[in-house]
Amino acid sequence: SQVLDTRDVQVFKVTVNGQDAQFAFGEKHSFKGTPLEITFPNELRRGQEAIVDISFESSPQSSALQWFTPEQTSGKKHPFLFSQCQVEFI
């Protein structure tokens, strides 16, 4: 499984390597945010890569997320989202 730190986001769907994955939010912490635990549908072998896709909606209160407008990106066509949070593997 993998735990991500979140703040004020709504998650609709998670996939790992193209397969649906189960996910659940933990207890909200006043300044750390809310953990999002993703359970991988299959066990990964050591060194195996995983592509995790998360369908979500952010809000103005999602303080750890920052956006570049399309004009601020190299391709100038799509916005870019980045996070200052860190991932924790269990």
PDB file of N, CA and C in Angstrom:
ATOM      1  N   SER A   1       0.836  -1.189   0.000  1.00  0.00           N
ATOM      2  CA  SER A   1       0.000   0.000   0.000  1.00  0.00           C
ATOM      3  C   SER A   1       0.880   1.252   0.000  1.00  0.00           C
ATOM      4  N   GLN A   2       0.255   2.352  -0.238  1.00  0.00           N
ATOM      5  CA  GLN A   2       0.946   3.637  -0.285  1.00  0.00           C
ATOM      6  C   GLN A   2       0.071   4.654   0.445  1.00  0.00           C
ATOM      7  N   VAL A   3       0.704   5.539   1.218  1.00  0.00           N
ATOM      8  CA  VAL A   3      -0.034   6.574   1.928  1.00  0.00           C
ATOM      9  C   VAL A   3       0.409   7.930   1.406  1.00  0.00           C
ATOM     10  N   LEU A   4      -0.562   8.744   1.014  1.00  0.00           N
ATOM     11  CA  LEU A   4      -0.297  10.094   0.540  1.00  0.00           C
ATOM     12  C   LEU A   4      -0.910  11.081   1.527  1.00  0.00           C
ATOM     13  N   ASP A   5      -0.290  12.220   1.663  1.00  0.00           N
ATOM     14  CA  ASP A   5      -0.828  13.280   2.498  1.00  0.00           C
ATOM     15  C   ASP A   5      -1.740  14.134   1.631  1.00  0.00           C
ATOM     16  N   THR A   6      -2.939  14.442   2.114  1.00  0.00           N
ATOM     17  CA  THR A   6      -3.879  15.260   1.344  1.00  0.00           C
ATOM     18  C   THR A   6      -4.420  16.372   2.226  1.00  0.00           C
ATOM     19  N   ARG A   7      -4.979  17.359   1.570  1.00  0.00           N
ATOM     20  CA  ARG A   7      -5.674  18.415   2.306  1.00  0.00           C
ATOM     21  C   ARG A   7      -6.795  18.951   1.415  1.00  0.00           C
ATOM     22  N   ASP A   8      -8.010  18.709   1.859  1.00  0.00           N
ATOM     23  CA  ASP A   8      -9.200  19.247   1.194  1.00  0.00           C
ATOM     24  C   ASP A   8      -9.276  18.879  -0.289  1.00  0.00           C
ATOM     25  N   VAL A   9      -9.134  17.591  -0.576  1.00  0.00           N
ATOM     26  CA  VAL A   9      -9.360  17.094  -1.926  1.00  0.00           C
ATOM     27  C   VAL A   9     -10.445  16.027  -1.866  1.00  0.00           C
ATOM     28  N   GLN A  10     -11.131  15.857  -2.976  1.00  0.00           N
ATOM     29  CA  GLN A  10     -12.135  14.804  -3.101  1.00  0.00           C
ATOM     30  C   GLN A  10     -11.594  13.805  -4.118  1.00  0.00           C
ATOM     31  N   VAL A  11     -11.474  12.536  -3.733  1.00  0.00           N
ATOM     32  CA  VAL A  11     -10.945  11.495  -4.608  1.00  0.00           C
ATOM     33  C   VAL A  11     -12.112  10.668  -5.133  1.00  0.00           C
ATOM     34  N   PHE A  12     -12.120  10.466  -6.453  1.00  0.00           N
ATOM     35  CA  PHE A  12     -13.199   9.721  -7.092  1.00  0.00           C
ATOM     36  C   PHE A  12     -12.793   8.294  -7.441  1.00  0.00           C
ATOM     37  N   LYS A  13     -11.534   8.125  -7.884  1.00  0.00           N
ATOM     38  CA  LYS A  13     -11.097   6.813  -8.352  1.00  0.00           C
ATOM     39  C   LYS A  13      -9.576   6.756  -8.291  1.00  0.00           C
ATOM     40  N   VAL A  14      -9.050   5.551  -8.007  1.00  0.00           N
ATOM     41  CA  VAL A  14      -7.608   5.321  -8.012  1.00  0.00           C
ATOM     42  C   VAL A  14      -7.352   4.044  -8.802  1.00  0.00           C
ATOM     43  N   THR A  15      -6.366   4.085  -9.700  1.00  0.00           N
ATOM     44  CA  THR A  15      -5.929   2.880 -10.386  1.00  0.00           C
ATOM     45  C   THR A  15      -4.422   2.727 -10.190  1.00  0.00           C
ATOM     46  N   VAL A  16      -3.984   1.476 -10.170  1.00  0.00           N
ATOM     47  CA  VAL A  16      -2.561   1.144 -10.096  1.00  0.00           C
ATOM     48  C   VAL A  16      -2.268   0.224 -11.276  1.00  0.00           C
ATOM     49  N   ASN A  17      -1.373   0.663 -12.133  1.00  0.00           N
ATOM     50  CA  ASN A  17      -1.043  -0.079 -13.355  1.00  0.00           C
ATOM     51  C   ASN A  17      -2.302  -0.450 -14.140  1.00  0.00           C
ATOM     52  N   GLY A  18      -3.245   0.492 -14.194  1.00  0.00           N
ATOM     53  CA  GLY A  18      -4.458   0.311 -14.988  1.00  0.00           C
ATOM     54  C   GLY A  18      -5.569  -0.461 -14.303  1.00  0.00           C
ATOM     55  N   GLN A  19      -5.341  -0.972 -13.095  1.00  0.00           N
ATOM     56  CA  GLN A  19      -6.372  -1.727 -12.379  1.00  0.00           C
ATOM     57  C   GLN A  19      -6.933  -0.894 -11.235  1.00  0.00           C
ATOM     58  N   ASP A  20      -8.241  -1.018 -11.005  1.00  0.00           N
ATOM     59  CA  ASP A  20      -8.863  -0.290  -9.895  1.00  0.00           C
ATOM     60  C   ASP A  20      -8.206  -0.664  -8.578  1.00  0.00           C
ATOM     61  N   ALA A  21      -7.975   0.337  -7.750  1.00  0.00           N
ATOM     62  CA  ALA A  21      -7.382   0.127  -6.428  1.00  0.00           C
ATOM     63  C   ALA A  21      -8.334   0.658  -5.367  1.00  0.00           C
ATOM     64  N   GLN A  22      -8.341   0.025  -4.220  1.00  0.00           N
ATOM     65  CA  GLN A  22      -9.143   0.520  -3.115  1.00  0.00           C
ATOM     66  C   GLN A  22      -8.382   1.632  -2.416  1.00  0.00           C
ATOM     67  N   PHE A  23      -9.122   2.587  -1.867  1.00  0.00           N
ATOM     68  CA  PHE A  23      -8.502   3.703  -1.162  1.00  0.00           C
ATOM     69  C   PHE A  23      -9.409   4.146  -0.029  1.00  0.00           C
ATOM     70  N   ALA A  24      -8.803   4.747   0.982  1.00  0.00           N
ATOM     71  CA  ALA A  24      -9.571   5.239   2.124  1.00  0.00           C
ATOM     72  C   ALA A  24      -8.814   6.391   2.765  1.00  0.00           C
ATOM     73  N   PHE A  25      -9.571   7.355   3.274  1.00  0.00           N
ATOM     74  CA  PHE A  25      -8.974   8.468   4.011  1.00  0.00           C
ATOM     75  C   PHE A  25      -8.853   8.085   5.479  1.00  0.00           C
ATOM     76  N   GLY A  26      -7.737   8.482   6.083  1.00  0.00           N
ATOM     77  CA  GLY A  26      -7.547   8.289   7.514  1.00  0.00           C
ATOM     78  C   GLY A  26      -8.110   9.475   8.275  1.00  0.00           C
ATOM     79  N   GLU A  27      -7.736   9.563   9.532  1.00  0.00           N
ATOM     80  CA  GLU A  27      -8.227  10.635  10.395  1.00  0.00           C
ATOM     81  C   GLU A  27      -7.555  11.959  10.046  1.00  0.00           C
ATOM     82  N   LYS A  28      -8.360  13.001   9.934  1.00  0.00           N
ATOM     83  CA  LYS A  28      -7.852  14.335   9.597  1.00  0.00           C
ATOM     84  C   LYS A  28      -7.032  14.889  10.763  1.00  0.00           C
ATOM     85  N   HIS A  29      -5.879  15.453  10.435  1.00  0.00           N
ATOM     86  CA  HIS A  29      -5.007  16.072  11.435  1.00  0.00           C
ATOM     87  C   HIS A  29      -5.046  17.580  11.213  1.00  0.00           C
ATOM     88  N   SER A  30      -5.006  18.353  12.294  1.00  0.00           N
ATOM     89  CA  SER A  30      -5.200  19.805  12.201  1.00  0.00           C
ATOM     90  C   SER A  30      -4.209  20.504  11.275  1.00  0.00           C
ATOM     91  N   PHE A  31      -2.936  20.127  11.287  1.00  0.00           N
ATOM     92  CA  PHE A  31      -1.984  20.814  10.405  1.00  0.00           C
ATOM     93  C   PHE A  31      -1.258  19.885   9.447  1.00  0.00           C
ATOM     94  N   LYS A  32      -1.348  18.578   9.636  1.00  0.00           N
ATOM     95  CA  LYS A  32      -0.671  17.649   8.729  1.00  0.00           C
ATOM     96  C   LYS A  32      -1.526  17.268   7.530  1.00  0.00           C
ATOM     97  N   GLY A  33      -2.811  17.448   7.605  1.00  0.00           N
ATOM     98  CA  GLY A  33      -3.685  17.044   6.521  1.00  0.00           C
ATOM     99  C   GLY A  33      -4.373  15.728   6.830  1.00  0.00           C
ATOM    100  N   THR A  34      -4.821  15.048   5.780  1.00  0.00           N
ATOM    101  CA  THR A  34      -5.543  13.787   5.915  1.00  0.00           C
ATOM    102  C   THR A  34      -4.835  12.717   5.099  1.00  0.00           C
ATOM    103  N   PRO A  35      -4.444  11.603   5.716  1.00  0.00           N
ATOM    104  CA  PRO A  35      -3.781  10.552   4.943  1.00  0.00           C
ATOM    105  C   PRO A  35      -4.758   9.858   4.003  1.00  0.00           C
ATOM    106  N   LEU A  36      -4.272   9.552   2.806  1.00  0.00           N
ATOM    107  CA  LEU A  36      -5.025   8.773   1.829  1.00  0.00           C
ATOM    108  C   LEU A  36      -4.255   7.484   1.623  1.00  0.00           C
ATOM    109  N   GLU A  37      -4.831   6.356   2.061  1.00  0.00           N
ATOM    110  CA  GLU A  37      -4.156   5.070   1.912  1.00  0.00           C
ATOM    111  C   GLU A  37      -4.685   4.353   0.684  1.00  0.00           C
ATOM    112  N   ILE A  38      -3.769   3.995  -0.195  1.00  0.00           N
ATOM    113  CA  ILE A  38      -4.112   3.284  -1.425  1.00  0.00           C
ATOM    114  C   ILE A  38      -3.634   1.843  -1.276  1.00  0.00           C
ATOM    115  N   THR A  39      -4.546   0.900  -1.462  1.00  0.00           N
ATOM    116  CA  THR A  39      -4.209  -0.520  -1.416  1.00  0.00           C
ATOM    117  C   THR A  39      -4.023  -1.009  -2.842  1.00  0.00           C
ATOM    118  N   PHE A  40      -2.827  -1.482  -3.156  1.00  0.00           N
ATOM    119  CA  PHE A  40      -2.531  -1.944  -4.507  1.00  0.00           C
ATOM    120  C   PHE A  40      -3.332  -3.213  -4.804  1.00  0.00           C
ATOM    121  N   PRO A  41      -3.882  -3.345  -6.030  1.00  0.00           N
ATOM    122  CA  PRO A  41      -4.691  -4.524  -6.362  1.00  0.00           C
ATOM    123  C   PRO A  41      -3.846  -5.799  -6.462  1.00  0.00           C
ATOM    124  N   ASN A  42      -2.557  -5.668  -6.742  1.00  0.00           N
ATOM    125  CA  ASN A  42      -1.657  -6.811  -6.837  1.00  0.00           C
ATOM    126  C   ASN A  42      -0.369  -6.481  -6.101  1.00  0.00           C
ATOM    127  N   GLU A  43       0.258  -7.502  -5.545  1.00  0.00           N
ATOM    128  CA  GLU A  43       1.524  -7.287  -4.864  1.00  0.00           C
ATOM    129  C   GLU A  43       2.607  -6.990  -5.894  1.00  0.00           C
ATOM    130  N   LEU A  44       3.448  -6.018  -5.582  1.00  0.00           N
ATOM    131  CA  LEU A  44       4.535  -5.659  -6.485  1.00  0.00           C
ATOM    132  C   LEU A  44       5.797  -6.411  -6.099  1.00  0.00           C
ATOM    133  N   ARG A  45       6.576  -6.784  -7.123  1.00  0.00           N
ATOM    134  CA  ARG A  45       7.881  -7.388  -6.876  1.00  0.00           C
ATOM    135  C   ARG A  45       8.882  -6.284  -6.589  1.00  0.00           C
ATOM    136  N   ARG A  46       9.921  -6.597  -5.857  1.00  0.00           N
ATOM    137  CA  ARG A  46      10.975  -5.629  -5.547  1.00  0.00           C
ATOM    138  C   ARG A  46      11.517  -5.034  -6.857  1.00  0.00           C
ATOM    139  N   GLY A  47      11.533  -3.719  -6.927  1.00  0.00           N
ATOM    140  CA  GLY A  47      12.029  -3.027  -8.111  1.00  0.00           C
ATOM    141  C   GLY A  47      10.992  -2.806  -9.199  1.00  0.00           C
ATOM    142  N   GLN A  48       9.804  -3.386  -9.048  1.00  0.00           N
ATOM    143  CA  GLN A  48       8.747  -3.213 -10.045  1.00  0.00           C
ATOM    144  C   GLN A  48       8.161  -1.816  -9.930  1.00  0.00           C
ATOM    145  N   GLU A  49       7.958  -1.176 -11.047  1.00  0.00           N
ATOM    146  CA  GLU A  49       7.371   0.155 -11.054  1.00  0.00           C
ATOM    147  C   GLU A  49       5.852   0.070 -11.007  1.00  0.00           C
ATOM    148  N   ALA A  50       5.248   1.092 -10.433  1.00  0.00           N
ATOM    149  CA  ALA A  50       3.795   1.173 -10.383  1.00  0.00           C
ATOM    150  C   ALA A  50       3.375   2.558 -10.862  1.00  0.00           C
ATOM    151  N   ILE A  51       2.394   2.590 -11.731  1.00  0.00           N
ATOM    152  CA  ILE A  51       1.811   3.850 -12.182  1.00  0.00           C
ATOM    153  C   ILE A  51       0.497   4.018 -11.436  1.00  0.00           C
ATOM    154  N   VAL A  52       0.441   5.048 -10.591  1.00  0.00           N
ATOM    155  CA  VAL A  52      -0.743   5.309  -9.774  1.00  0.00           C
ATOM    156  C   VAL A  52      -1.457   6.525 -10.355  1.00  0.00           C
ATOM    157  N   ASP A  53      -2.691   6.315 -10.805  1.00  0.00           N
ATOM    158  CA  ASP A  53      -3.529   7.401 -11.323  1.00  0.00           C
ATOM    159  C   ASP A  53      -4.620   7.694 -10.310  1.00  0.00           C
ATOM    160  N   ILE A  54      -4.747   8.970  -9.952  1.00  0.00           N
ATOM    161  CA  ILE A  54      -5.761   9.381  -8.981  1.00  0.00           C
ATOM    162  C   ILE A  54      -6.651  10.424  -9.634  1.00  0.00           C
ATOM    163  N   SER A  55      -7.944  10.115  -9.705  1.00  0.00           N
ATOM    164  CA  SER A  55      -8.930  11.063 -10.216  1.00  0.00           C
ATOM    165  C   SER A  55      -9.461  11.833  -9.013  1.00  0.00           C
ATOM    166  N   PHE A  56      -9.204  13.139  -8.983  1.00  0.00           N
ATOM    167  CA  PHE A  56      -9.567  13.922  -7.804  1.00  0.00           C
ATOM    168  C   PHE A  56      -9.978  15.329  -8.193  1.00  0.00           C
ATOM    169  N   GLU A  57     -10.555  16.020  -7.230  1.00  0.00           N
ATOM    170  CA  GLU A  57     -10.913  17.428  -7.389  1.00  0.00           C
ATOM    171  C   GLU A  57     -10.320  18.186  -6.214  1.00  0.00           C
ATOM    172  N   SER A  58      -9.601  19.248  -6.513  1.00  0.00           N
ATOM    173  CA  SER A  58      -9.020  20.068  -5.448  1.00  0.00           C
ATOM    174  C   SER A  58      -9.970  21.221  -5.117  1.00  0.00           C
ATOM    175  N   SER A  59      -9.600  21.975  -4.106  1.00  0.00           N
ATOM    176  CA  SER A  59     -10.389  23.134  -3.705  1.00  0.00           C
ATOM    177  C   SER A  59      -9.429  24.268  -3.360  1.00  0.00           C
ATOM    178  N   PRO A  60      -9.917  25.466  -3.212  1.00  0.00           N
ATOM    179  CA  PRO A  60      -9.029  26.571  -2.807  1.00  0.00           C
ATOM    180  C   PRO A  60      -8.352  26.318  -1.458  1.00  0.00           C
ATOM    181  N   GLN A  61      -8.922  25.446  -0.623  1.00  0.00           N
ATOM    182  CA  GLN A  61      -8.326  25.130   0.674  1.00  0.00           C
ATOM    183  C   GLN A  61      -7.234  24.070   0.571  1.00  0.00           C
ATOM    184  N   SER A  62      -7.016  23.502  -0.623  1.00  0.00           N
ATOM    185  CA  SER A  62      -5.983  22.479  -0.834  1.00  0.00           C
ATOM    186  C   SER A  62      -4.617  23.148  -0.820  1.00  0.00           C
ATOM    187  N   SER A  63      -4.178  23.533   0.362  1.00  0.00           N
ATOM    188  CA  SER A  63      -3.012  24.413   0.502  1.00  0.00           C
ATOM    189  C   SER A  63      -1.707  23.808   0.039  1.00  0.00           C
ATOM    190  N   ALA A  64      -1.565  22.500  -0.002  1.00  0.00           N
ATOM    191  CA  ALA A  64      -0.297  21.889  -0.412  1.00  0.00           C
ATOM    192  C   ALA A  64      -0.183  21.745  -1.928  1.00  0.00           C
ATOM    193  N   LEU A  65      -1.256  22.039  -2.657  1.00  0.00           N
ATOM    194  CA  LEU A  65      -1.249  21.921  -4.111  1.00  0.00           C
ATOM    195  C   LEU A  65      -1.049  23.287  -4.742  1.00  0.00           C
ATOM    196  N   GLN A  66      -0.232  23.299  -5.771  1.00  0.00           N
ATOM    197  CA  GLN A  66      -0.010  24.547  -6.496  1.00  0.00           C
ATOM    198  C   GLN A  66      -0.142  24.279  -7.992  1.00  0.00           C
ATOM    199  N   TRP A  67      -0.631  25.269  -8.698  1.00  0.00           N
ATOM    200  CA  TRP A  67      -0.889  25.138 -10.131  1.00  0.00           C
ATOM    201  C   TRP A  67      -0.052  26.121 -10.925  1.00  0.00           C
ATOM    202  N   PHE A  68       0.424  25.665 -12.071  1.00  0.00           N
ATOM    203  CA  PHE A  68       0.962  26.557 -13.109  1.00  0.00           C
ATOM    204  C   PHE A  68      -0.135  26.684 -14.156  1.00  0.00           C
ATOM    205  N   THR A  69      -0.365  27.881 -14.643  1.00  0.00           N
ATOM    206  CA  THR A  69      -1.309  28.065 -15.741  1.00  0.00           C
ATOM    207  C   THR A  69      -0.673  27.505 -17.010  1.00  0.00           C
ATOM    208  N   PRO A  70      -1.460  27.235 -18.059  1.00  0.00           N
ATOM    209  CA  PRO A  70      -0.867  26.733 -19.299  1.00  0.00           C
ATOM    210  C   PRO A  70       0.260  27.644 -19.814  1.00  0.00           C
ATOM    211  N   GLU A  71       0.100  28.945 -19.653  1.00  0.00           N
ATOM    212  CA  GLU A  71       1.114  29.885 -20.138  1.00  0.00           C
ATOM    213  C   GLU A  71       2.439  29.760 -19.387  1.00  0.00           C
ATOM    214  N   GLN A  72       2.414  29.199 -18.185  1.00  0.00           N
ATOM    215  CA  GLN A  72       3.625  29.042 -17.387  1.00  0.00           C
ATOM    216  C   GLN A  72       4.371  27.740 -17.677  1.00  0.00           C
ATOM    217  N   THR A  73       3.798  26.871 -18.504  1.00  0.00           N
ATOM    218  CA  THR A  73       4.422  25.584 -18.804  1.00  0.00           C
ATOM    219  C   THR A  73       5.192  25.644 -20.118  1.00  0.00           C
ATOM    220  N   SER A  74       6.053  24.650 -20.339  1.00  0.00           N
ATOM    221  CA  SER A  74       6.865  24.648 -21.563  1.00  0.00           C
ATOM    222  C   SER A  74       6.014  24.437 -22.812  1.00  0.00           C
ATOM    223  N   GLY A  75       4.951  23.621 -22.718  1.00  0.00           N
ATOM    224  CA  GLY A  75       4.106  23.365 -23.883  1.00  0.00           C
ATOM    225  C   GLY A  75       3.043  24.424 -24.113  1.00  0.00           C
ATOM    226  N   LYS A  76       2.746  25.220 -23.082  1.00  0.00           N
ATOM    227  CA  LYS A  76       1.774  26.317 -23.155  1.00  0.00           C
ATOM    228  C   LYS A  76       0.352  25.864 -23.485  1.00  0.00           C
ATOM    229  N   LYS A  77       0.050  24.541 -23.307  1.00  0.00           N
ATOM    230  CA  LYS A  77      -1.278  24.046 -23.665  1.00  0.00           C
ATOM    231  C   LYS A  77      -2.105  23.582 -22.475  1.00  0.00           C
ATOM    232  N   HIS A  78      -1.445  23.042 -21.433  1.00  0.00           N
ATOM    233  CA  HIS A  78      -2.174  22.456 -20.310  1.00  0.00           C
ATOM    234  C   HIS A  78      -1.650  23.025 -18.999  1.00  0.00           C
ATOM    235  N   PRO A  79      -2.519  23.108 -17.979  1.00  0.00           N
ATOM    236  CA  PRO A  79      -2.026  23.518 -16.656  1.00  0.00           C
ATOM    237  C   PRO A  79      -1.176  22.393 -16.062  1.00  0.00           C
ATOM    238  N   PHE A  80      -0.392  22.720 -15.049  1.00  0.00           N
ATOM    239  CA  PHE A  80       0.473  21.748 -14.400  1.00  0.00           C
ATOM    240  C   PHE A  80       0.261  21.833 -12.888  1.00  0.00           C
ATOM    241  N   LEU A  81       0.016  20.691 -12.266  1.00  0.00           N
ATOM    242  CA  LEU A  81      -0.207  20.615 -10.826  1.00  0.00           C
ATOM    243  C   LEU A  81       1.010  19.995 -10.169  1.00  0.00           C
ATOM    244  N   PHE A  82       1.463  20.580  -9.063  1.00  0.00           N
ATOM    245  CA  PHE A  82       2.520  19.939  -8.281  1.00  0.00           C
ATOM    246  C   PHE A  82       2.216  20.074  -6.805  1.00  0.00           C
ATOM    247  N   SER A  83       2.826  19.187  -6.042  1.00  0.00           N
ATOM    248  CA  SER A  83       2.579  19.112  -4.606  1.00  0.00           C
ATOM    249  C   SER A  83       3.893  19.236  -3.856  1.00  0.00           C
ATOM    250  N   GLN A  84       3.829  19.859  -2.702  1.00  0.00           N
ATOM    251  CA  GLN A  84       5.009  19.956  -1.862  1.00  0.00           C
ATOM    252  C   GLN A  84       4.987  18.892  -0.772  1.00  0.00           C
ATOM    253  N   CYS A  85       4.021  17.999  -0.828  1.00  0.00           N
ATOM    254  CA  CYS A  85       3.929  16.928   0.167  1.00  0.00           C
ATOM    255  C   CYS A  85       4.843  15.781  -0.252  1.00  0.00           C
ATOM    256  N   GLN A  86       5.106  14.870   0.677  1.00  0.00           N
ATOM    257  CA  GLN A  86       5.967  13.736   0.393  1.00  0.00           C
ATOM    258  C   GLN A  86       5.193  12.460   0.559  1.00  0.00           C
ATOM    259  N   VAL A  87       5.573  11.480  -0.232  1.00  0.00           N
ATOM    260  CA  VAL A  87       4.913  10.172  -0.196  1.00  0.00           C
ATOM    261  C   VAL A  87       5.576   9.311   0.874  1.00  0.00           C
ATOM    262  N   GLU A  88       4.781   8.428   1.475  1.00  0.00           N
ATOM    263  CA  GLU A  88       5.301   7.496   2.472  1.00  0.00           C
ATOM    264  C   GLU A  88       4.907   6.090   2.033  1.00  0.00           C
ATOM    265  N   PHE A  89       5.865   5.206   1.895  1.00  0.00           N
ATOM    266  CA  PHE A  89       5.584   3.820   1.515  1.00  0.00           C
ATOM    267  C   PHE A  89       5.510   2.960   2.764  1.00  0.00           C
ATOM    268  N   ILE A  90       4.550   2.034   2.807  1.00  0.00           N
ATOM    269  CA  ILE A  90       4.435   1.126   3.943  1.00  0.00           C
ATOM    270  C   ILE A  90       4.701  -0.279   3.454  1.00  0.00           C
TER     271      ILE A  90
END
